[in-house]
Amino acid sequence: MSKQELPAGAAQVAEQYPEIWEAYSELGRACADSGPLDARTRRLVKLALAVGARSEGAVHSHVRRGLEEGESTEALKQVAMLAIPTLGLPSGVAALTWIEDITES
């Protein structure tokens, strides 16, 4: 993801602190390469982690990236549904609305 495609806050950090941003990006690459999960599975796991952290911005970012990489809207929404038994109905519904912010805009 280029600096121009980053959410505003992350883009600001990348611009003001390029060495830190590069180290952070490298950490992300190393974590992605640390095991056997394929790209699609990693993408959905990262969305689920964002949902669990209740980070609306991160959910938006992972949904945008997922759609750009060919993920179906139905799969992204299922992540929110899977959150309900673990995180509770309010968290799952919040996640669904955050996903729909992007998929239905």
PDB file of N, CA and C in Angstrom:
ATOM      1  N   MET A   1       0.853  -1.171   0.000  1.00  0.00           N
ATOM      2  CA  MET A   1       0.000   0.000   0.000  1.00  0.00           C
ATOM      3  C   MET A   1       0.897   1.231   0.000  1.00  0.00           C
ATOM      4  N   SER A   2       0.683   2.101  -0.944  1.00  0.00           N
ATOM      5  CA  SER A   2       1.493   3.306  -1.024  1.00  0.00           C
ATOM      6  C   SER A   2       1.037   4.305   0.030  1.00  0.00           C
ATOM      7  N   LYS A   3       1.888   5.273   0.304  1.00  0.00           N
ATOM      8  CA  LYS A   3       1.544   6.285   1.296  1.00  0.00           C
ATOM      9  C   LYS A   3       0.292   7.052   0.896  1.00  0.00           C
ATOM     10  N   GLN A   4       0.051   7.221  -0.400  1.00  0.00           N
ATOM     11  CA  GLN A   4      -1.125   7.941  -0.859  1.00  0.00           C
ATOM     12  C   GLN A   4      -2.414   7.174  -0.566  1.00  0.00           C
ATOM     13  N   GLU A   5      -2.357   5.846  -0.445  1.00  0.00           N
ATOM     14  CA  GLU A   5      -3.536   5.027  -0.217  1.00  0.00           C
ATOM     15  C   GLU A   5      -3.822   4.812   1.263  1.00  0.00           C
ATOM     16  N   LEU A   6      -2.949   5.281   2.146  1.00  0.00           N
ATOM     17  CA  LEU A   6      -3.112   5.062   3.572  1.00  0.00           C
ATOM     18  C   LEU A   6      -4.203   5.955   4.144  1.00  0.00           C
ATOM     19  N   PRO A   7      -4.873   5.477   5.224  1.00  0.00           N
ATOM     20  CA  PRO A   7      -5.778   6.370   5.941  1.00  0.00           C
ATOM     21  C   PRO A   7      -4.993   7.588   6.437  1.00  0.00           C
ATOM     22  N   ALA A   8      -5.684   8.683   6.676  1.00  0.00           N
ATOM     23  CA  ALA A   8      -5.040   9.962   6.972  1.00  0.00           C
ATOM     24  C   ALA A   8      -4.017   9.877   8.109  1.00  0.00           C
ATOM     25  N   GLY A   9      -4.375   9.276   9.221  1.00  0.00           N
ATOM     26  CA  GLY A   9      -3.458   9.201  10.357  1.00  0.00           C
ATOM     27  C   GLY A   9      -2.207   8.409  10.040  1.00  0.00           C
ATOM     28  N   ALA A  10      -2.370   7.262   9.421  1.00  0.00           N
ATOM     29  CA  ALA A  10      -1.219   6.431   9.060  1.00  0.00           C
ATOM     30  C   ALA A  10      -0.361   7.129   8.016  1.00  0.00           C
ATOM     31  N   ALA A  11      -0.994   7.799   7.075  1.00  0.00           N
ATOM     32  CA  ALA A  11      -0.232   8.520   6.046  1.00  0.00           C
ATOM     33  C   ALA A  11       0.607   9.621   6.673  1.00  0.00           C
ATOM     34  N   GLN A  12       0.061  10.260   7.686  1.00  0.00           N
ATOM     35  CA  GLN A  12       0.799  11.322   8.372  1.00  0.00           C
ATOM     36  C   GLN A  12       2.027  10.747   9.081  1.00  0.00           C
ATOM     37  N   VAL A  13       1.866   9.611   9.743  1.00  0.00           N
ATOM     38  CA  VAL A  13       3.004   8.967  10.400  1.00  0.00           C
ATOM     39  C   VAL A  13       4.039   8.560   9.355  1.00  0.00           C
ATOM     40  N   ALA A  14       3.589   7.971   8.255  1.00  0.00           N
ATOM     41  CA  ALA A  14       4.512   7.538   7.200  1.00  0.00           C
ATOM     42  C   ALA A  14       5.292   8.716   6.634  1.00  0.00           C
ATOM     43  N   GLU A  15       4.635   9.848   6.506  1.00  0.00           N
ATOM     44  CA  GLU A  15       5.288  11.034   5.954  1.00  0.00           C
ATOM     45  C   GLU A  15       6.263  11.660   6.949  1.00  0.00           C
ATOM     46  N   GLN A  16       5.840  11.760   8.191  1.00  0.00           N
ATOM     47  CA  GLN A  16       6.663  12.432   9.195  1.00  0.00           C
ATOM     48  C   GLN A  16       7.771  11.559   9.761  1.00  0.00           C
ATOM     49  N   TYR A  17       7.566  10.243   9.768  1.00  0.00           N
ATOM     50  CA  TYR A  17       8.521   9.313  10.366  1.00  0.00           C
ATOM     51  C   TYR A  17       8.783   8.146   9.420  1.00  0.00           C
ATOM     52  N   PRO A  18       9.402   8.394   8.279  1.00  0.00           N
ATOM     53  CA  PRO A  18       9.558   7.343   7.273  1.00  0.00           C
ATOM     54  C   PRO A  18      10.348   6.123   7.761  1.00  0.00           C
ATOM     55  N   GLU A  19      11.327   6.316   8.618  1.00  0.00           N
ATOM     56  CA  GLU A  19      12.106   5.165   9.112  1.00  0.00           C
ATOM     57  C   GLU A  19      11.231   4.266   9.979  1.00  0.00           C
ATOM     58  N   ILE A  20      10.402   4.878  10.811  1.00  0.00           N
ATOM     59  CA  ILE A  20       9.501   4.091  11.658  1.00  0.00           C
ATOM     60  C   ILE A  20       8.473   3.383  10.800  1.00  0.00           C
ATOM     61  N   TRP A  21       7.941   4.085   9.798  1.00  0.00           N
ATOM     62  CA  TRP A  21       6.947   3.459   8.922  1.00  0.00           C
ATOM     63  C   TRP A  21       7.548   2.271   8.171  1.00  0.00           C
ATOM     64  N   GLU A  22       8.775   2.411   7.700  1.00  0.00           N
ATOM     65  CA  GLU A  22       9.416   1.308   6.979  1.00  0.00           C
ATOM     66  C   GLU A  22       9.643   0.120   7.904  1.00  0.00           C
ATOM     67  N   ALA A  23      10.069   0.379   9.143  1.00  0.00           N
ATOM     68  CA  ALA A  23      10.261  -0.709  10.108  1.00  0.00           C
ATOM     69  C   ALA A  23       8.931  -1.401  10.417  1.00  0.00           C
ATOM     70  N   TYR A  24       7.887  -0.614  10.564  1.00  0.00           N
ATOM     71  CA  TYR A  24       6.560  -1.157  10.815  1.00  0.00           C
ATOM     72  C   TYR A  24       6.100  -2.011   9.629  1.00  0.00           C
ATOM     73  N   SER A  25       6.319  -1.520   8.431  1.00  0.00           N
ATOM     74  CA  SER A  25       5.942  -2.261   7.224  1.00  0.00           C
ATOM     75  C   SER A  25       6.715  -3.569   7.121  1.00  0.00           C
ATOM     76  N   GLU A  26       7.990  -3.525   7.451  1.00  0.00           N
ATOM     77  CA  GLU A  26       8.811  -4.742   7.414  1.00  0.00           C
ATOM     78  C   GLU A  26       8.324  -5.748   8.457  1.00  0.00           C
ATOM     79  N   LEU A  27       7.944  -5.275   9.635  1.00  0.00           N
ATOM     80  CA  LEU A  27       7.385  -6.165  10.650  1.00  0.00           C
ATOM     81  C   LEU A  27       6.135  -6.856  10.109  1.00  0.00           C
ATOM     82  N   GLY A  28       5.281  -6.101   9.445  1.00  0.00           N
ATOM     83  CA  GLY A  28       4.081  -6.685   8.854  1.00  0.00           C
ATOM     84  C   GLY A  28       4.407  -7.761   7.832  1.00  0.00           C
ATOM     85  N   ARG A  29       5.408  -7.485   6.988  1.00  0.00           N
ATOM     86  CA  ARG A  29       5.821  -8.491   5.990  1.00  0.00           C
ATOM     87  C   ARG A  29       6.381  -9.738   6.669  1.00  0.00           C
ATOM     88  N   ALA A  30       7.194  -9.543   7.692  1.00  0.00           N
ATOM     89  CA  ALA A  30       7.784 -10.687   8.398  1.00  0.00           C
ATOM     90  C   ALA A  30       6.702 -11.524   9.080  1.00  0.00           C
ATOM     91  N   CYS A  31       5.732 -10.870   9.689  1.00  0.00           N
ATOM     92  CA  CYS A  31       4.644 -11.603  10.334  1.00  0.00           C
ATOM     93  C   CYS A  31       3.824 -12.384   9.301  1.00  0.00           C
ATOM     94  N   ALA A  32       3.555 -11.773   8.165  1.00  0.00           N
ATOM     95  CA  ALA A  32       2.794 -12.438   7.107  1.00  0.00           C
ATOM     96  C   ALA A  32       3.525 -13.672   6.588  1.00  0.00           C
ATOM     97  N   ASP A  33       4.846 -13.597   6.547  1.00  0.00           N
ATOM     98  CA  ASP A  33       5.649 -14.700   6.010  1.00  0.00           C
ATOM     99  C   ASP A  33       6.043 -15.733   7.066  1.00  0.00           C
ATOM    100  N   SER A  34       5.566 -15.576   8.294  1.00  0.00           N
ATOM    101  CA  SER A  34       6.034 -16.428   9.389  1.00  0.00           C
ATOM    102  C   SER A  34       5.363 -17.790   9.469  1.00  0.00           C
ATOM    103  N   GLY A  35       4.377 -18.041   8.641  1.00  0.00           N
ATOM    104  CA  GLY A  35       3.665 -19.316   8.740  1.00  0.00           C
ATOM    105  C   GLY A  35       3.002 -19.703   7.444  1.00  0.00           C
ATOM    106  N   PRO A  36       2.174 -20.752   7.500  1.00  0.00           N
ATOM    107  CA  PRO A  36       1.619 -21.337   6.284  1.00  0.00           C
ATOM    108  C   PRO A  36       0.328 -20.719   5.759  1.00  0.00           C
ATOM    109  N   LEU A  37      -0.233 -19.735   6.440  1.00  0.00           N
ATOM    110  CA  LEU A  37      -1.518 -19.196   5.983  1.00  0.00           C
ATOM    111  C   LEU A  37      -1.378 -18.510   4.631  1.00  0.00           C
ATOM    112  N   ASP A  38      -2.350 -18.753   3.764  1.00  0.00           N
ATOM    113  CA  ASP A  38      -2.338 -18.102   2.454  1.00  0.00           C
ATOM    114  C   ASP A  38      -2.835 -16.668   2.589  1.00  0.00           C
ATOM    115  N   ALA A  39      -2.693 -15.894   1.533  1.00  0.00           N
ATOM    116  CA  ALA A  39      -3.017 -14.466   1.560  1.00  0.00           C
ATOM    117  C   ALA A  39      -4.480 -14.223   1.926  1.00  0.00           C
ATOM    118  N   ARG A  40      -5.389 -15.005   1.393  1.00  0.00           N
ATOM    119  CA  ARG A  40      -6.811 -14.803   1.684  1.00  0.00           C
ATOM    120  C   ARG A  40      -7.101 -15.050   3.157  1.00  0.00           C
ATOM    121  N   THR A  41      -6.563 -16.119   3.699  1.00  0.00           N
ATOM    122  CA  THR A  41      -6.787 -16.421   5.108  1.00  0.00           C
ATOM    123  C   THR A  41      -6.205 -15.321   5.985  1.00  0.00           C
ATOM    124  N   ARG A  42      -4.997 -14.870   5.673  1.00  0.00           N
ATOM    125  CA  ARG A  42      -4.388 -13.777   6.446  1.00  0.00           C
ATOM    126  C   ARG A  42      -5.264 -12.525   6.392  1.00  0.00           C
ATOM    127  N   ARG A  43      -5.798 -12.213   5.211  1.00  0.00           N
ATOM    128  CA  ARG A  43      -6.644 -11.033   5.041  1.00  0.00           C
ATOM    129  C   ARG A  43      -7.867 -11.114   5.951  1.00  0.00           C
ATOM    130  N   LEU A  44      -8.540 -12.261   5.978  1.00  0.00           N
ATOM    131  CA  LEU A  44      -9.739 -12.412   6.792  1.00  0.00           C
ATOM    132  C   LEU A  44      -9.405 -12.441   8.281  1.00  0.00           C
ATOM    133  N   VAL A  45      -8.289 -13.032   8.642  1.00  0.00           N
ATOM    134  CA  VAL A  45      -7.858 -13.026  10.048  1.00  0.00           C
ATOM    135  C   VAL A  45      -7.581 -11.599  10.506  1.00  0.00           C
ATOM    136  N   LYS A  46      -6.901 -10.831   9.667  1.00  0.00           N
ATOM    137  CA  LYS A  46      -6.602  -9.447  10.048  1.00  0.00           C
ATOM    138  C   LYS A  46      -7.881  -8.636  10.199  1.00  0.00           C
ATOM    139  N   LEU A  47      -8.869  -8.865   9.355  1.00  0.00           N
ATOM    140  CA  LEU A  47     -10.152  -8.205   9.518  1.00  0.00           C
ATOM    141  C   LEU A  47     -10.785  -8.626  10.842  1.00  0.00           C
ATOM    142  N   ALA A  48     -10.753  -9.909  11.141  1.00  0.00           N
ATOM    143  CA  ALA A  48     -11.326 -10.389  12.396  1.00  0.00           C
ATOM    144  C   ALA A  48     -10.621  -9.779  13.611  1.00  0.00           C
ATOM    145  N   LEU A  49      -9.311  -9.642  13.540  1.00  0.00           N
ATOM    146  CA  LEU A  49      -8.579  -9.012  14.642  1.00  0.00           C
ATOM    147  C   LEU A  49      -8.997  -7.555  14.804  1.00  0.00           C
ATOM    148  N   ALA A  50      -9.194  -6.856  13.698  1.00  0.00           N
ATOM    149  CA  ALA A  50      -9.650  -5.465  13.761  1.00  0.00           C
ATOM    150  C   ALA A  50     -11.044  -5.385  14.379  1.00  0.00           C
ATOM    151  N   VAL A  51     -11.904  -6.332  14.020  1.00  0.00           N
ATOM    152  CA  VAL A  51     -13.242  -6.392  14.603  1.00  0.00           C
ATOM    153  C   VAL A  51     -13.127  -6.618  16.112  1.00  0.00           C
ATOM    154  N   GLY A  52     -12.306  -7.580  16.510  1.00  0.00           N
ATOM    155  CA  GLY A  52     -12.137  -7.892  17.932  1.00  0.00           C
ATOM    156  C   GLY A  52     -11.565  -6.734  18.728  1.00  0.00           C
ATOM    157  N   ALA A  53     -10.722  -5.957  18.087  1.00  0.00           N
ATOM    158  CA  ALA A  53     -10.142  -4.787  18.746  1.00  0.00           C
ATOM    159  C   ALA A  53     -11.098  -3.600  18.739  1.00  0.00           C
ATOM    160  N   ARG A  54     -12.233  -3.756  18.066  1.00  0.00           N
ATOM    161  CA  ARG A  54     -13.244  -2.695  17.926  1.00  0.00           C
ATOM    162  C   ARG A  54     -12.634  -1.428  17.329  1.00  0.00           C
ATOM    163  N   SER A  55     -11.813  -1.641  16.319  1.00  0.00           N
ATOM    164  CA  SER A  55     -11.154  -0.530  15.636  1.00  0.00           C
ATOM    165  C   SER A  55     -11.854  -0.256  14.311  1.00  0.00           C
ATOM    166  N   GLU A  56     -12.741   0.714  14.322  1.00  0.00           N
ATOM    167  CA  GLU A  56     -13.508   1.042  13.123  1.00  0.00           C
ATOM    168  C   GLU A  56     -12.591   1.390  11.955  1.00  0.00           C
ATOM    169  N   GLY A  57     -11.572   2.181  12.205  1.00  0.00           N
ATOM    170  CA  GLY A  57     -10.650   2.563  11.132  1.00  0.00           C
ATOM    171  C   GLY A  57      -9.936   1.373  10.535  1.00  0.00           C
ATOM    172  N   ALA A  58      -9.490   0.451  11.390  1.00  0.00           N
ATOM    173  CA  ALA A  58      -8.805  -0.739  10.888  1.00  0.00           C
ATOM    174  C   ALA A  58      -9.766  -1.638  10.118  1.00  0.00           C
ATOM    175  N   VAL A  59     -11.006  -1.760  10.584  1.00  0.00           N
ATOM    176  CA  VAL A  59     -12.004  -2.540   9.840  1.00  0.00           C
ATOM    177  C   VAL A  59     -12.204  -1.919   8.462  1.00  0.00           C
ATOM    178  N   HIS A  60     -12.388  -0.611   8.414  1.00  0.00           N
ATOM    179  CA  HIS A  60     -12.544   0.063   7.114  1.00  0.00           C
ATOM    180  C   HIS A  60     -11.355  -0.233   6.207  1.00  0.00           C
ATOM    181  N   SER A  61     -10.152  -0.105   6.746  1.00  0.00           N
ATOM    182  CA  SER A  61      -8.944  -0.327   5.955  1.00  0.00           C
ATOM    183  C   SER A  61      -8.862  -1.758   5.432  1.00  0.00           C
ATOM    184  N   HIS A  62      -9.140  -2.735   6.290  1.00  0.00           N
ATOM    185  CA  HIS A  62      -9.050  -4.133   5.857  1.00  0.00           C
ATOM    186  C   HIS A  62     -10.157  -4.493   4.872  1.00  0.00           C
ATOM    187  N   VAL A  63     -11.320  -3.886   5.020  1.00  0.00           N
ATOM    188  CA  VAL A  63     -12.402  -4.131   4.051  1.00  0.00           C
ATOM    189  C   VAL A  63     -12.026  -3.534   2.695  1.00  0.00           C
ATOM    190  N   ARG A  64     -11.509  -2.305   2.691  1.00  0.00           N
ATOM    191  CA  ARG A  64     -11.076  -1.700   1.419  1.00  0.00           C
ATOM    192  C   ARG A  64     -10.043  -2.570   0.732  1.00  0.00           C
ATOM    193  N   ARG A  65      -9.048  -2.985   1.482  1.00  0.00           N
ATOM    194  CA  ARG A  65      -7.979  -3.809   0.912  1.00  0.00           C
ATOM    195  C   ARG A  65      -8.540  -5.141   0.432  1.00  0.00           C
ATOM    196  N   GLY A  66      -9.421  -5.744   1.215  1.00  0.00           N
ATOM    197  CA  GLY A  66     -10.024  -7.010   0.810  1.00  0.00           C
ATOM    198  C   GLY A  66     -10.774  -6.892  -0.502  1.00  0.00           C
ATOM    199  N   LEU A  67     -11.572  -5.844  -0.635  1.00  0.00           N
ATOM    200  CA  LEU A  67     -12.311  -5.639  -1.881  1.00  0.00           C
ATOM    201  C   LEU A  67     -11.358  -5.418  -3.051  1.00  0.00           C
ATOM    202  N   GLU A  68     -10.306  -4.637  -2.839  1.00  0.00           N
ATOM    203  CA  GLU A  68      -9.319  -4.394  -3.895  1.00  0.00           C
ATOM    204  C   GLU A  68      -8.624  -5.683  -4.327  1.00  0.00           C
ATOM    205  N   GLU A  69      -8.503  -6.623  -3.402  1.00  0.00           N
ATOM    206  CA  GLU A  69      -7.824  -7.886  -3.699  1.00  0.00           C
ATOM    207  C   GLU A  69      -8.801  -8.984  -4.100  1.00  0.00           C
ATOM    208  N   GLY A  70     -10.061  -8.601  -4.354  1.00  0.00           N
ATOM    209  CA  GLY A  70     -11.021  -9.553  -4.901  1.00  0.00           C
ATOM    210  C   GLY A  70     -11.861 -10.311  -3.897  1.00  0.00           C
ATOM    211  N   GLU A  71     -11.830  -9.921  -2.638  1.00  0.00           N
ATOM    212  CA  GLU A  71     -12.633 -10.622  -1.634  1.00  0.00           C
ATOM    213  C   GLU A  71     -14.105 -10.277  -1.841  1.00  0.00           C
ATOM    214  N   SER A  72     -14.977 -11.230  -1.566  1.00  0.00           N
ATOM    215  CA  SER A  72     -16.407 -10.991  -1.734  1.00  0.00           C
ATOM    216  C   SER A  72     -16.961 -10.239  -0.525  1.00  0.00           C
ATOM    217  N   THR A  73     -17.966  -9.436  -0.797  1.00  0.00           N
ATOM    218  CA  THR A  73     -18.655  -8.723   0.276  1.00  0.00           C
ATOM    219  C   THR A  73     -19.244  -9.710   1.271  1.00  0.00           C
ATOM    220  N   GLU A  74     -19.766 -10.823   0.776  1.00  0.00           N
ATOM    221  CA  GLU A  74     -20.384 -11.820   1.650  1.00  0.00           C
ATOM    222  C   GLU A  74     -19.370 -12.401   2.631  1.00  0.00           C
ATOM    223  N   ALA A  75     -18.143 -12.676   2.182  1.00  0.00           N
ATOM    224  CA  ALA A  75     -17.117 -13.212   3.072  1.00  0.00           C
ATOM    225  C   ALA A  75     -16.739 -12.191   4.140  1.00  0.00           C
ATOM    226  N   LEU A  76     -16.627 -10.932   3.736  1.00  0.00           N
ATOM    227  CA  LEU A  76     -16.281  -9.881   4.696  1.00  0.00           C
ATOM    228  C   LEU A  76     -17.375  -9.743   5.750  1.00  0.00           C
ATOM    229  N   LYS A  77     -18.624  -9.790   5.331  1.00  0.00           N
ATOM    230  CA  LYS A  77     -19.737  -9.690   6.270  1.00  0.00           C
ATOM    231  C   LYS A  77     -19.806 -10.908   7.183  1.00  0.00           C
ATOM    232  N   GLN A  78     -19.423 -12.063   6.679  1.00  0.00           N
ATOM    233  CA  GLN A  78     -19.446 -13.259   7.522  1.00  0.00           C
ATOM    234  C   GLN A  78     -18.485 -13.123   8.700  1.00  0.00           C
ATOM    235  N   VAL A  79     -17.392 -12.411   8.509  1.00  0.00           N
ATOM    236  CA  VAL A  79     -16.472 -12.164   9.624  1.00  0.00           C
ATOM    237  C   VAL A  79     -17.222 -11.477  10.764  1.00  0.00           C
ATOM    238  N   ALA A  80     -18.058 -10.498  10.444  1.00  0.00           N
ATOM    239  CA  ALA A  80     -18.850  -9.817  11.478  1.00  0.00           C
ATOM    240  C   ALA A  80     -19.821 -10.786  12.137  1.00  0.00           C
ATOM    241  N   MET A  81     -20.446 -11.653  11.353  1.00  0.00           N
ATOM    242  CA  MET A  81     -21.389 -12.619  11.918  1.00  0.00           C
ATOM    243  C   MET A  81     -20.677 -13.604  12.846  1.00  0.00           C
ATOM    244  N   LEU A  82     -19.459 -13.997  12.475  1.00  0.00           N
ATOM    245  CA  LEU A  82     -18.690 -14.921  13.315  1.00  0.00           C
ATOM    246  C   LEU A  82     -18.275 -14.269  14.630  1.00  0.00           C
ATOM    247  N   ALA A  83     -18.241 -12.954  14.667  1.00  0.00           N
ATOM    248  CA  ALA A  83     -17.880 -12.247  15.893  1.00  0.00           C
ATOM    249  C   ALA A  83     -18.985 -12.317  16.941  1.00  0.00           C
ATOM    250  N   ILE A  84     -20.218 -12.508  16.534  1.00  0.00           N
ATOM    251  CA  ILE A  84     -21.346 -12.433  17.461  1.00  0.00           C
ATOM    252  C   ILE A  84     -21.239 -13.414  18.627  1.00  0.00           C
ATOM    253  N   PRO A  85     -21.002 -14.716  18.402  1.00  0.00           N
ATOM    254  CA  PRO A  85     -20.976 -15.612  19.564  1.00  0.00           C
ATOM    255  C   PRO A  85     -19.775 -15.378  20.493  1.00  0.00           C
ATOM    256  N   THR A  86     -18.694 -14.845  19.969  1.00  0.00           N
ATOM    257  CA  THR A  86     -17.498 -14.630  20.783  1.00  0.00           C
ATOM    258  C   THR A  86     -17.484 -13.252  21.433  1.00  0.00           C
ATOM    259  N   LEU A  87     -17.808 -12.218  20.654  1.00  0.00           N
ATOM    260  CA  LEU A  87     -17.701 -10.838  21.139  1.00  0.00           C
ATOM    261  C   LEU A  87     -19.026 -10.259  21.601  1.00  0.00           C
ATOM    262  N   GLY A  88     -20.130 -10.865  21.178  1.00  0.00           N
ATOM    263  CA  GLY A  88     -21.454 -10.369  21.543  1.00  0.00           C
ATOM    264  C   GLY A  88     -22.144  -9.701  20.369  1.00  0.00           C
ATOM    265  N   LEU A  89     -23.463  -9.676  20.459  1.00  0.00           N
ATOM    266  CA  LEU A  89     -24.272  -9.093  19.390  1.00  0.00           C
ATOM    267  C   LEU A  89     -23.917  -7.632  19.109  1.00  0.00           C
ATOM    268  N   PRO A  90     -23.763  -6.782  20.118  1.00  0.00           N
ATOM    269  CA  PRO A  90     -23.432  -5.386  19.809  1.00  0.00           C
ATOM    270  C   PRO A  90     -22.122  -5.232  19.034  1.00  0.00           C
ATOM    271  N   SER A  91     -21.113  -6.002  19.380  1.00  0.00           N
ATOM    272  CA  SER A  91     -19.833  -5.920  18.666  1.00  0.00           C
ATOM    273  C   SER A  91     -19.960  -6.422  17.237  1.00  0.00           C
ATOM    274  N   GLY A  92     -20.687  -7.515  17.055  1.00  0.00           N
ATOM    275  CA  GLY A  92     -20.881  -8.045  15.706  1.00  0.00           C
ATOM    276  C   GLY A  92     -21.676  -7.092  14.827  1.00  0.00           C
ATOM    277  N   VAL A  93     -22.704  -6.477  15.400  1.00  0.00           N
ATOM    278  CA  VAL A  93     -23.513  -5.521  14.640  1.00  0.00           C
ATOM    279  C   VAL A  93     -22.682  -4.284  14.308  1.00  0.00           C
ATOM    280  N   ALA A  94     -21.894  -3.803  15.261  1.00  0.00           N
ATOM    281  CA  ALA A  94     -21.023  -2.652  14.983  1.00  0.00           C
ATOM    282  C   ALA A  94     -20.085  -2.989  13.833  1.00  0.00           C
ATOM    283  N   ALA A  95     -19.469  -4.168  13.883  1.00  0.00           N
ATOM    284  CA  ALA A  95     -18.551  -4.575  12.816  1.00  0.00           C
ATOM    285  C   ALA A  95     -19.269  -4.631  11.474  1.00  0.00           C
ATOM    286  N   LEU A  96     -20.473  -5.165  11.471  1.00  0.00           N
ATOM    287  CA  LEU A  96     -21.237  -5.245  10.226  1.00  0.00           C
ATOM    288  C   LEU A  96     -21.488  -3.850   9.659  1.00  0.00           C
ATOM    289  N   THR A  97     -21.836  -2.902  10.511  1.00  0.00           N
ATOM    290  CA  THR A  97     -22.077  -1.545  10.007  1.00  0.00           C
ATOM    291  C   THR A  97     -20.791  -0.926   9.468  1.00  0.00           C
ATOM    292  N   TRP A  98     -19.651  -1.196  10.097  1.00  0.00           N
ATOM    293  CA  TRP A  98     -18.380  -0.660   9.615  1.00  0.00           C
ATOM    294  C   TRP A  98     -18.022  -1.268   8.257  1.00  0.00           C
ATOM    295  N   ILE A  99     -18.293  -2.565   8.112  1.00  0.00           N
ATOM    296  CA  ILE A  99     -18.043  -3.230   6.830  1.00  0.00           C
ATOM    297  C   ILE A  99     -18.953  -2.619   5.758  1.00  0.00           C
ATOM    298  N   GLU A 100     -20.220  -2.429   6.111  1.00  0.00           N
ATOM    299  CA  GLU A 100     -21.172  -1.871   5.149  1.00  0.00           C
ATOM    300  C   GLU A 100     -20.878  -0.412   4.817  1.00  0.00           C
ATOM    301  N   ASP A 101     -20.194   0.310   5.721  1.00  0.00           N
ATOM    302  CA  ASP A 101     -19.763   1.672   5.380  1.00  0.00           C
ATOM    303  C   ASP A 101     -18.977   1.675   4.065  1.00  0.00           C
ATOM    304  N   ILE A 102     -18.189   0.617   3.868  1.00  0.00           N
ATOM    305  CA  ILE A 102     -17.323   0.532   2.702  1.00  0.00           C
ATOM    306  C   ILE A 102     -17.992  -0.215   1.557  1.00  0.00           C
ATOM    307  N   THR A 103     -18.643  -1.333   1.866  1.00  0.00           N
ATOM    308  CA  THR A 103     -19.202  -2.170   0.801  1.00  0.00           C
ATOM    309  C   THR A 103     -20.439  -1.563   0.165  1.00  0.00           C
ATOM    310  N   GLU A 104     -21.115  -0.672   0.869  1.00  0.00           N
ATOM    311  CA  GLU A 104     -22.356  -0.104   0.344  1.00  0.00           C
ATOM    312  C   GLU A 104     -22.228   1.374   0.028  1.00  0.00           C
ATOM    313  N   SER A 105     -20.989   1.853  -0.090  1.00  0.00           N
ATOM    314  CA  SER A 105     -20.808   3.271  -0.418  1.00  0.00           C
ATOM    315  C   SER A 105     -20.597   3.481  -1.897  1.00  0.00           C
TER     316      SER A 105
END
